[in-house]
């Protein structure tokens, strides 16, 4: 049985490499994906461009399981590569949905990796199908690939095709696109999802969802890709195109700072670790409590716990230990054991007989949170005061975060007092909604999952499996017609 965590799942991670001379771009991509593993653990893939010939490998699983030494050895040296690690917010877990997506068309070849979610994907896909397009996946990334390909048939260059496609696409998309001779990266005009680029000591350019991946391959961060910007890496030049910049309000996902991004990353010039420490400090001011120690839920609550300790003066302690060999999903042979106990263990010597402040990044359904609280109580904690470094989740997300229904969100069903009782805590405190600008120093972020203020039009069909449902319906109709 696959046991999926009941919390919020990550986005996807994209990575790209451009070198003036043939080199081990697959190896660089491997290490880049490894650094982005936290953003997606369902599947991963790498496509290498060897003088116009594309060589690829994609499969379900973690990066080090999919890309064994024997698999990596089969990749040729090349000038360009694109890579992807996936957690699907649209489309089922299926090898067909692995990215990057590859396309062969009249103007050449293309490989594309995407992080985000289109808010108008269903409308675009329907229109394409009515014009004869045949889809092979249930991911909205294929819709993007179709539109870019369609534009490329009349556009003078691949970057012009990407630019034309951006007039059609709505929602969140950070793209890395590879043609026979160029690497292109693009970020949607709102800048929902992070994207940056840097350079290694030998002059190789690398593009990544987060700066931690650039550092991991020995590169230095040059800068973030601006919302709406297209950057083209080609032989002898790096070109920036800004025809889509300043066409919409900047709305970087605030949850990148609260949870998604790695603490050592810098997103739009703001250090993620510092932002989370700030959240902890705000929590300590907004929800003070008399306690003996502050602990964080590994790994997402540790930075905020440090901040809470610094502001409150309550000592910080490592009261929970995470099994580092277990990811956010793992295979359990049966249902007899509490999965939280397999992933986390309480340090009894630190919590026994003490009043504990427990910091986590969010409460989604409340199930995992309640189990962690009870884990501390079983270890002898006298009191457990829950503090959350995000406001309550009240709305679905249409831009790539796996929150697609209000019916499973605990904050939509129960009162503050009831939630406290349900998770068996002595007290509960959320990050105040009005304090979110303090995390980034501005109001240039999307917080629709907390406040319902969506930057784009809300799609009519929001099911994660909406394209799978469409394919099933079409197959049934075809059978009826054939009969």
Protein backbone atom coordinates (compact mmCIF):
# COMPACT_ATOMS: atom_id res chain seq x y z
CA UNK A 1 0.00 0.00 0.00
CA UNK A 2 1.26 3.50 -0.80
CA UNK A 3 0.78 5.77 2.17
CA UNK A 4 0.52 9.40 1.11
CA UNK A 5 1.09 12.15 3.61
CA UNK A 6 -2.11 14.00 4.52
CA UNK A 7 -0.38 17.36 4.41
CA UNK A 8 0.31 19.73 1.55
CA UNK A 9 2.41 18.31 -1.25
CA UNK A 10 5.19 20.10 -3.04
CA UNK A 11 5.24 21.65 -6.47
CA UNK A 12 7.44 20.37 -9.27
CA UNK A 13 11.07 21.21 -9.83
CA UNK A 14 12.54 22.26 -13.20
CA UNK A 15 16.19 22.39 -14.20
CA UNK A 16 18.02 23.35 -17.37
CA UNK A 17 21.64 23.39 -18.59
CA UNK A 18 23.27 25.26 -21.47
CA UNK A 19 26.96 24.83 -22.28
CA UNK A 20 28.98 26.23 -25.17
CA UNK A 21 30.84 22.93 -25.48
CA UNK A 22 29.79 19.30 -25.00
CA UNK A 23 29.92 18.26 -21.36
CA UNK A 24 28.20 15.98 -18.88
CA UNK A 25 24.91 17.89 -18.85
CA UNK A 26 23.07 14.77 -17.65
CA UNK A 27 25.30 14.58 -14.58
CA UNK A 28 24.70 18.25 -13.82
CA UNK A 29 20.97 17.72 -14.25
CA UNK A 30 21.05 14.73 -11.90
CA UNK A 31 22.60 16.78 -9.11
CA UNK A 32 20.24 19.66 -9.85
CA UNK A 33 17.21 17.38 -9.56
CA UNK A 34 18.61 15.84 -6.39
CA UNK A 35 18.66 19.32 -4.84
CA UNK A 36 15.05 19.85 -5.98
CA UNK A 37 13.79 16.46 -4.78
CA UNK A 38 11.72 18.13 -2.03
CA UNK A 39 9.54 19.71 -4.73
CA UNK A 40 8.38 16.43 -6.24
CA UNK A 41 8.78 12.76 -5.42
CA UNK A 42 6.44 11.00 -7.85
CA UNK A 43 8.62 10.92 -10.95
CA UNK A 44 11.60 12.53 -12.65
CA UNK A 45 13.20 12.82 -16.06
CA UNK A 46 16.15 14.19 -18.03
CA UNK A 47 16.41 14.99 -21.74
CA UNK A 48 19.89 15.63 -23.20
CA UNK A 49 20.53 17.42 -26.48
CA UNK A 50 23.53 15.90 -28.29
CA UNK A 51 24.00 18.13 -31.35
CA UNK A 52 20.29 18.11 -32.15
CA UNK A 53 19.68 14.49 -31.15
CA UNK A 54 17.54 14.15 -28.02
CA UNK A 55 18.27 11.34 -25.57
CA UNK A 56 15.90 10.95 -22.63
CA UNK A 57 15.02 8.84 -19.63
CA UNK A 58 11.95 9.26 -17.41
CA UNK A 59 10.31 7.09 -14.79
CA UNK A 60 8.32 6.98 -11.57
CA UNK A 61 10.34 7.21 -8.37
CA UNK A 62 12.95 9.28 -6.57
CA UNK A 63 15.92 10.78 -8.41
CA UNK A 64 18.56 8.39 -7.03
CA UNK A 65 16.32 5.36 -7.71
CA UNK A 66 15.47 6.34 -11.30
CA UNK A 67 18.90 7.61 -12.32
CA UNK A 68 21.22 4.80 -11.35
CA UNK A 69 24.85 4.88 -12.45
CA UNK A 70 24.05 2.53 -15.34
CA UNK A 71 21.23 4.81 -16.56
CA UNK A 72 23.37 7.95 -16.33
CA UNK A 73 26.19 6.19 -18.20
CA UNK A 74 23.91 5.81 -21.25
CA UNK A 75 23.53 9.57 -21.68
CA UNK A 76 25.91 11.15 -24.18
CA UNK A 77 27.74 14.38 -23.53
CA UNK A 78 25.76 17.32 -24.82
CA UNK A 79 25.35 21.09 -24.89
CA UNK A 80 21.83 21.40 -23.50
CA UNK A 81 19.58 19.51 -21.11
CA UNK A 82 16.22 19.94 -19.41
CA UNK A 83 15.11 18.01 -16.34
CA UNK A 84 12.11 17.71 -14.08
CA UNK A 85 10.99 16.22 -10.79
CA UNK A 86 7.25 15.91 -10.37
CA UNK A 87 4.48 16.02 -7.88
CA UNK A 88 1.32 16.11 -9.96
CA UNK A 89 -1.41 18.59 -9.05
CA UNK A 90 -3.19 17.83 -12.32
CA UNK A 91 -3.13 14.33 -13.79
CA UNK A 92 -2.69 10.93 -12.19
CA UNK A 93 0.57 9.32 -11.10
CA UNK A 94 1.46 7.61 -14.35
CA UNK A 95 4.63 7.13 -16.35
CA UNK A 96 2.93 8.89 -19.27
CA UNK A 97 2.79 12.05 -17.15
CA UNK A 98 6.52 12.06 -16.46
CA UNK A 99 8.31 15.16 -17.70
CA UNK A 100 10.03 16.66 -19.60
CA UNK A 101 7.55 16.33 -22.46
CA UNK A 102 9.15 15.81 -25.88
CA UNK A 103 7.66 16.94 -29.18
CA UNK A 104 8.69 16.23 -32.78
CA UNK A 105 7.21 18.64 -35.30
CA UNK A 106 7.78 20.20 -38.71
CA UNK A 107 10.14 22.87 -37.35
CA UNK A 108 12.27 20.48 -35.29
CA UNK A 109 12.29 18.99 -31.80
CA UNK A 110 11.38 20.42 -28.43
CA UNK A 111 11.50 19.25 -24.81
CA UNK A 112 9.61 21.10 -22.09
CA UNK A 113 9.53 21.00 -18.27
CA UNK A 114 6.86 22.88 -16.33
CA UNK A 115 6.23 23.90 -12.72
CA UNK A 116 2.79 25.27 -11.88
CA UNK A 117 -0.80 24.85 -12.96
CA UNK A 118 -2.78 26.57 -15.70
CA UNK A 119 -6.09 28.03 -14.54
CA UNK A 120 -7.47 27.86 -18.11
CA UNK A 121 -6.04 24.43 -18.99
CA UNK A 122 -9.44 22.75 -19.44
CA UNK A 123 -10.65 25.40 -21.87
CA UNK A 124 -7.42 25.31 -23.87
CA UNK A 125 -7.37 21.53 -24.02
CA UNK A 126 -10.99 21.37 -25.17
CA UNK A 127 -10.27 23.88 -27.93
CA UNK A 128 -7.20 21.95 -29.08
CA UNK A 129 -9.11 18.65 -29.13
CA UNK A 130 -11.89 20.22 -31.21
CA UNK A 131 -9.20 21.12 -33.73
CA UNK A 132 -7.85 17.60 -33.94
CA UNK A 133 -5.21 17.47 -31.19
CA UNK A 134 -4.71 14.04 -29.62
CA UNK A 135 -3.47 14.04 -26.02
CA UNK A 136 -1.35 11.26 -24.56
CA UNK A 137 -1.18 12.49 -20.95
CA UNK A 138 -3.55 13.84 -18.31
CA UNK A 139 -1.19 16.68 -17.39
CA UNK A 140 -1.78 20.29 -18.37
CA UNK A 141 1.91 20.49 -19.36
CA UNK A 142 1.01 18.76 -22.63
CA UNK A 143 -1.42 21.61 -23.33
CA UNK A 144 1.46 24.09 -23.04
CA UNK A 145 3.59 21.97 -25.36
CA UNK A 146 0.78 21.85 -27.95
CA UNK A 147 0.27 25.61 -27.91
CA UNK A 148 3.98 26.39 -28.22
CA UNK A 149 4.27 23.87 -31.08
CA UNK A 150 1.25 25.36 -32.81
CA UNK A 151 2.76 28.84 -32.58
CA UNK A 152 6.17 27.58 -33.72
CA UNK A 153 4.75 26.50 -37.09
CA UNK A 154 4.31 30.17 -38.03
CA UNK A 155 6.76 31.93 -35.66
CA UNK A 156 10.31 32.72 -36.87
CA UNK A 157 11.95 31.26 -33.73
CA UNK A 158 11.22 29.05 -30.73
CA UNK A 159 11.40 32.05 -28.39
CA UNK A 160 8.81 33.88 -30.50
CA UNK A 161 6.58 30.81 -30.25
CA UNK A 162 6.94 30.79 -26.44
CA UNK A 163 6.11 34.48 -26.33
CA UNK A 164 3.00 34.04 -28.48
CA UNK A 165 1.88 31.10 -26.35
CA UNK A 166 2.13 33.25 -23.21
CA UNK A 167 -0.69 35.45 -24.53
CA UNK A 168 -2.92 32.37 -24.33
CA UNK A 169 -1.75 30.73 -21.11
CA UNK A 170 -3.26 31.77 -17.78
CA UNK A 171 -2.22 30.78 -14.31
CA UNK A 172 1.11 29.53 -12.97
CA UNK A 173 3.93 28.37 -15.19
CA UNK A 174 7.68 28.41 -14.83
CA UNK A 175 9.02 26.80 -17.99
CA UNK A 176 12.31 25.41 -19.22
CA UNK A 177 12.19 24.68 -22.97
CA UNK A 178 14.87 23.10 -25.12
CA UNK A 179 15.11 23.21 -28.91
CA UNK A 180 17.87 21.83 -31.11
CA UNK A 181 20.06 24.88 -30.49
CA UNK A 182 18.61 26.89 -27.60
CA UNK A 183 17.56 26.72 -23.97
CA UNK A 184 14.66 29.00 -23.03
CA UNK A 185 13.20 29.75 -19.65
CA UNK A 186 10.00 31.68 -19.01
CA UNK A 187 7.96 32.72 -15.99
CA UNK A 188 4.29 33.66 -16.03
CA UNK A 189 3.42 37.40 -15.72
CA UNK A 190 2.28 36.99 -12.11
CA UNK A 191 5.45 35.09 -11.17
CA UNK A 192 3.52 32.53 -9.12
CA UNK A 193 6.33 29.98 -9.09
CA UNK A 194 10.04 30.68 -8.57
CA UNK A 195 12.62 30.47 -11.35
CA UNK A 196 16.24 31.64 -11.40
CA UNK A 197 19.48 31.14 -13.28
CA UNK A 198 23.17 31.08 -12.58
CA UNK A 199 26.53 30.04 -13.97
CA UNK A 200 29.21 27.52 -13.06
CA UNK A 201 32.93 28.27 -12.98
CA UNK A 202 33.44 26.88 -16.51
CA UNK A 203 30.77 29.19 -17.95
CA UNK A 204 27.88 26.70 -18.13
CA UNK A 205 24.49 28.30 -17.52
CA UNK A 206 21.98 26.58 -15.27
CA UNK A 207 18.29 27.37 -14.78
CA UNK A 208 16.40 26.07 -11.75
CA UNK A 209 13.23 26.38 -9.73
CA UNK A 210 15.34 27.28 -6.71
CA UNK A 211 18.78 28.74 -6.09
CA UNK A 212 19.74 25.74 -3.92
CA UNK A 213 19.98 23.64 -7.10
CA UNK A 214 22.35 26.15 -8.71
CA UNK A 215 24.56 26.05 -5.62
CA UNK A 216 24.43 22.23 -5.59
CA UNK A 217 26.07 22.02 -9.03
CA UNK A 218 28.79 24.49 -8.07
CA UNK A 219 27.20 27.51 -9.71
CA UNK A 220 26.62 31.04 -8.52
CA UNK A 221 23.19 32.60 -8.63
CA UNK A 222 22.97 35.43 -11.16
CA UNK A 223 19.35 36.47 -10.56
CA UNK A 224 15.71 35.45 -10.54
CA UNK A 225 13.78 35.36 -13.78
CA UNK A 226 11.34 38.28 -13.62
CA UNK A 227 7.59 37.66 -13.80
CA UNK A 228 6.70 37.60 -17.51
CA UNK A 229 10.33 37.42 -18.64
CA UNK A 230 11.71 35.08 -21.29
CA UNK A 231 15.45 34.35 -21.27
CA UNK A 232 17.09 32.70 -24.29
CA UNK A 233 20.44 30.91 -24.00
CA UNK A 234 22.06 30.32 -27.37
CA UNK A 235 25.59 30.01 -28.69
CA UNK A 236 27.45 33.21 -27.82
CA UNK A 237 24.53 35.07 -26.23
CA UNK A 238 22.02 35.31 -23.39
CA UNK A 239 19.00 37.40 -24.36
CA UNK A 240 16.21 38.73 -22.16
CA UNK A 241 12.76 39.44 -23.56
CA UNK A 242 10.32 41.45 -21.46
CA UNK A 243 7.24 41.99 -23.61
CA UNK A 244 5.14 40.19 -20.97
CA UNK A 245 6.69 41.91 -17.96
CA UNK A 246 4.65 44.39 -15.90
CA UNK A 247 1.43 43.16 -17.53
CA UNK A 248 0.07 41.79 -14.26
CA UNK A 249 0.58 42.22 -10.53
CA UNK A 250 3.44 40.18 -9.11
CA UNK A 251 1.94 37.34 -7.06
CA UNK A 252 4.63 34.92 -5.93
CA UNK A 253 3.09 32.06 -3.95
CA UNK A 254 3.53 32.94 -0.26
CA UNK A 255 3.65 29.25 0.59
CA UNK A 256 7.00 29.02 -1.20
CA UNK A 257 8.40 30.96 1.76
CA UNK A 258 6.34 29.17 4.40
CA UNK A 259 6.93 25.61 3.22
CA UNK A 260 7.75 24.67 -0.39
CA UNK A 261 11.20 26.11 -0.98
CA UNK A 262 14.29 24.75 0.72
CA UNK A 263 15.49 26.92 3.63
CA UNK A 264 18.83 27.62 1.93
CA UNK A 265 17.16 28.97 -1.22
CA UNK A 266 16.69 32.62 -2.11
CA UNK A 267 13.37 33.37 -3.87
CA UNK A 268 13.01 36.76 -5.56
CA UNK A 269 15.87 38.13 -3.48
CA UNK A 270 14.43 36.97 -0.15
CA UNK A 271 16.11 34.27 1.94
CA UNK A 272 13.66 31.50 2.76
CA UNK A 273 15.25 30.65 6.11
CA UNK A 274 15.09 34.28 7.24
CA UNK A 275 11.45 34.49 6.17
CA UNK A 276 10.54 31.45 8.24
CA UNK A 277 12.44 32.67 11.27
CA UNK A 278 10.45 35.89 10.94
CA UNK A 279 7.22 33.86 10.92
CA UNK A 280 8.28 32.23 14.18
CA UNK A 281 9.00 35.61 15.74
CA UNK A 282 5.55 36.87 14.69
CA UNK A 283 3.93 33.78 16.18
CA UNK A 284 5.68 34.36 19.50
CA UNK A 285 4.31 37.91 19.65
CA UNK A 286 0.82 37.02 18.46
CA UNK A 287 0.41 33.85 20.54
CA UNK A 288 2.68 33.93 23.60
CA UNK A 289 2.56 31.08 26.10
CA UNK A 290 4.44 30.04 29.20
CA UNK A 291 6.41 26.90 28.33
CA UNK A 292 9.67 25.04 28.94
CA UNK A 293 10.86 24.34 25.39
CA UNK A 294 10.12 25.13 21.74
CA UNK A 295 10.38 22.36 19.16
CA UNK A 296 9.68 22.20 15.42
CA UNK A 297 8.21 19.45 13.27
CA UNK A 298 11.06 18.29 11.00
CA UNK A 299 11.81 19.65 8.56
CA UNK A 300 9.25 22.28 7.75
CA UNK A 301 8.75 23.69 11.26
CA UNK A 302 12.38 23.97 12.40
CA UNK A 303 13.17 27.46 11.11
CA UNK A 304 9.99 28.98 12.54
CA UNK A 305 10.67 27.20 15.84
CA UNK A 306 14.05 28.91 16.01
CA UNK A 307 12.33 32.25 15.45
CA UNK A 308 9.72 31.57 18.13
CA UNK A 309 12.48 30.66 20.59
CA UNK A 310 14.51 33.77 19.75
CA UNK A 311 11.54 36.10 20.26
CA UNK A 312 10.04 34.39 23.32
CA UNK A 313 13.24 33.50 25.13
CA UNK A 314 11.99 29.93 25.57
CA UNK A 315 14.84 27.46 24.87
CA UNK A 316 14.82 25.70 21.51
CA UNK A 317 15.19 21.93 21.61
CA UNK A 318 15.26 19.00 19.21
CA UNK A 319 12.21 17.24 20.59
CA UNK A 320 11.31 15.32 17.42
CA UNK A 321 13.62 13.26 15.22
CA UNK A 322 12.77 12.41 11.62
CA UNK A 323 13.77 9.16 9.98
CA UNK A 324 15.91 10.61 7.20
CA UNK A 325 15.49 7.53 5.01
CA UNK A 326 11.73 8.05 4.64
CA UNK A 327 10.35 10.66 2.29
CA UNK A 328 6.91 12.23 2.28
CA UNK A 329 5.50 9.08 0.71
CA UNK A 330 6.64 5.56 1.48
CA UNK A 331 5.52 1.95 1.09
CA UNK A 332 3.96 0.35 4.17
CA UNK A 333 3.30 -3.43 4.10
CA UNK A 334 0.15 -3.22 6.21
CA UNK A 335 -1.94 -0.78 8.23
CA UNK A 336 -1.11 -2.08 11.71
CA UNK A 337 1.43 0.59 12.65
CA UNK A 338 0.99 4.33 13.02
CA UNK A 339 2.86 5.78 10.03
CA UNK A 340 3.78 8.92 11.98
CA UNK A 341 5.72 6.77 14.47
CA UNK A 342 7.71 5.31 11.60
CA UNK A 343 8.59 8.75 10.24
CA UNK A 344 8.98 10.65 13.53
CA UNK A 345 10.04 9.82 17.05
CA UNK A 346 9.95 11.98 20.17
CA UNK A 347 13.09 12.54 22.23
CA UNK A 348 11.69 11.56 25.63
CA UNK A 349 14.55 13.10 27.61
CA UNK A 350 13.72 16.50 26.07
CA UNK A 351 9.93 16.52 26.40
CA UNK A 352 9.07 14.39 29.43
CA UNK A 353 7.38 16.41 32.16
CA UNK A 354 7.69 19.64 30.16
CA UNK A 355 5.35 22.16 28.63
CA UNK A 356 6.12 22.14 24.91
CA UNK A 357 5.50 24.70 22.15
CA UNK A 358 5.17 22.70 18.93
CA UNK A 359 5.71 24.58 15.64
CA UNK A 360 4.57 23.31 12.23
CA UNK A 361 4.03 25.02 8.86
CA UNK A 362 0.33 24.21 8.45
CA UNK A 363 -2.68 22.19 9.52
CA UNK A 364 -4.55 20.76 6.55
CA UNK A 365 -6.86 17.95 7.62
CA UNK A 366 -5.54 17.76 11.17
CA UNK A 367 -4.89 14.00 11.16
CA UNK A 368 -1.09 14.11 11.08
CA UNK A 369 -0.99 17.04 13.49
CA UNK A 370 -3.08 15.13 16.06
CA UNK A 371 -0.79 12.12 15.79
CA UNK A 372 2.30 14.24 16.41
CA UNK A 373 0.71 15.89 19.45
CA UNK A 374 -0.18 12.46 20.83
CA UNK A 375 3.36 11.25 20.09
CA UNK A 376 4.68 13.97 22.39
CA UNK A 377 2.12 13.18 25.07
CA UNK A 378 3.08 9.49 24.97
CA UNK A 379 6.70 10.60 25.50
CA UNK A 380 5.59 12.38 28.67
CA UNK A 381 4.98 15.96 27.58
CA UNK A 382 2.94 17.76 30.25
CA UNK A 383 1.42 20.30 27.85
CA UNK A 384 1.52 20.74 24.06
CA UNK A 385 0.85 24.22 22.66
CA UNK A 386 0.43 24.09 18.87
CA UNK A 387 1.66 27.06 16.83
CA UNK A 388 1.31 27.20 13.04
CA UNK A 389 3.54 29.39 10.85
CA UNK A 390 0.75 29.93 8.29
CA UNK A 391 -2.83 31.22 8.50
CA UNK A 392 -5.66 28.63 8.27
CA UNK A 393 -6.25 27.06 4.83
CA UNK A 394 -9.74 28.08 3.73
CA UNK A 395 -9.68 27.90 -0.08
CA UNK A 396 -8.47 25.65 -2.91
CA UNK A 397 -5.43 26.59 -4.98
CA UNK A 398 -5.55 26.74 -8.79
CA UNK A 399 -1.86 27.51 -9.32
CA UNK A 400 -0.11 24.23 -8.51
CA UNK A 401 -0.51 23.58 -4.79
CA UNK A 402 -2.35 20.37 -3.96
CA UNK A 403 -5.36 22.00 -2.25
CA UNK A 404 -8.27 21.20 -4.55
CA UNK A 405 -11.25 20.97 -2.20
CA UNK A 406 -12.61 22.87 0.81
CA UNK A 407 -14.42 19.78 2.12
CA UNK A 408 -11.22 18.22 3.50
CA UNK A 409 -9.77 21.37 5.06
CA UNK A 410 -10.16 21.25 8.83
CA UNK A 411 -10.43 25.05 9.16
CA UNK A 412 -13.49 25.03 6.86
CA UNK A 413 -15.36 22.49 8.98
CA UNK A 414 -14.53 23.31 12.58
CA UNK A 415 -14.15 26.31 14.85
CA UNK A 416 -10.85 27.35 16.39
CA UNK A 417 -11.82 25.75 19.72
CA UNK A 418 -12.96 22.55 18.04
CA UNK A 419 -9.68 22.23 16.09
CA UNK A 420 -7.71 22.62 19.32
CA UNK A 421 -9.71 19.76 20.85
CA UNK A 422 -9.51 17.58 17.75
CA UNK A 423 -5.71 17.71 17.62
CA UNK A 424 -5.56 17.22 21.43
CA UNK A 425 -3.53 20.40 22.01
CA UNK A 426 -3.65 22.63 25.10
CA UNK A 427 -3.71 25.75 22.94
CA UNK A 428 -3.51 26.70 19.27
CA UNK A 429 -2.25 29.75 17.41
CA UNK A 430 -2.02 30.49 13.67
CA UNK A 431 0.10 33.09 11.93
CA UNK A 432 -2.12 36.19 11.60
CA UNK A 433 -3.22 36.77 8.00
CA UNK A 434 -2.37 40.47 8.21
CA UNK A 435 1.25 39.66 9.10
CA UNK A 436 2.05 37.86 5.82
CA UNK A 437 3.64 40.97 4.22
CA UNK A 438 6.27 40.90 6.99
CA UNK A 439 7.59 37.59 5.63
CA UNK A 440 8.60 39.13 2.30
CA UNK A 441 8.65 42.86 3.01
CA UNK A 442 5.94 43.57 0.44
CA UNK A 443 2.42 42.70 -0.70
CA UNK A 444 3.63 41.08 -3.94
CA UNK A 445 2.43 37.59 -3.19
CA UNK A 446 -0.55 35.28 -3.71
CA UNK A 447 -2.35 34.21 -0.53
CA UNK A 448 -5.62 33.03 -2.11
CA UNK A 449 -5.49 29.71 -0.23
CA UNK A 450 -5.83 31.75 2.96
CA UNK A 451 -7.96 34.76 1.96
CA UNK A 452 -9.71 33.78 -1.29
CA UNK A 453 -8.33 36.73 -3.29
CA UNK A 454 -7.49 35.00 -6.58
CA UNK A 455 -5.30 36.90 -9.07
CA UNK A 456 -6.90 35.15 -12.07
CA UNK A 457 -10.34 33.93 -13.08
CA UNK A 458 -11.38 30.80 -11.18
CA UNK A 459 -11.65 27.73 -13.47
CA UNK A 460 -14.99 25.97 -13.75
CA UNK A 461 -13.56 22.44 -13.45
CA UNK A 462 -11.06 22.15 -10.62
CA UNK A 463 -10.73 18.37 -10.21
CA UNK A 464 -7.19 17.05 -10.14
CA UNK A 465 -8.26 14.17 -12.42
CA UNK A 466 -10.35 16.32 -14.78
CA UNK A 467 -8.40 15.34 -17.90
CA UNK A 468 -8.48 11.67 -16.94
CA UNK A 469 -12.26 11.95 -16.59
CA UNK A 470 -12.46 13.54 -20.04
CA UNK A 471 -10.40 10.73 -21.57
CA UNK A 472 -12.62 8.07 -19.93
CA UNK A 473 -15.75 9.82 -21.20
CA UNK A 474 -14.32 10.05 -24.73
CA UNK A 475 -13.44 6.33 -24.73
CA UNK A 476 -16.98 5.47 -23.63
CA UNK A 477 -18.44 7.67 -26.39
CA UNK A 478 -16.17 6.05 -28.98
CA UNK A 479 -17.34 2.59 -27.90
CA UNK A 480 -21.00 3.66 -28.20
CA UNK A 481 -20.40 5.11 -31.67
CA UNK A 482 -18.56 1.96 -32.80
CA UNK A 483 -21.43 -0.20 -31.55
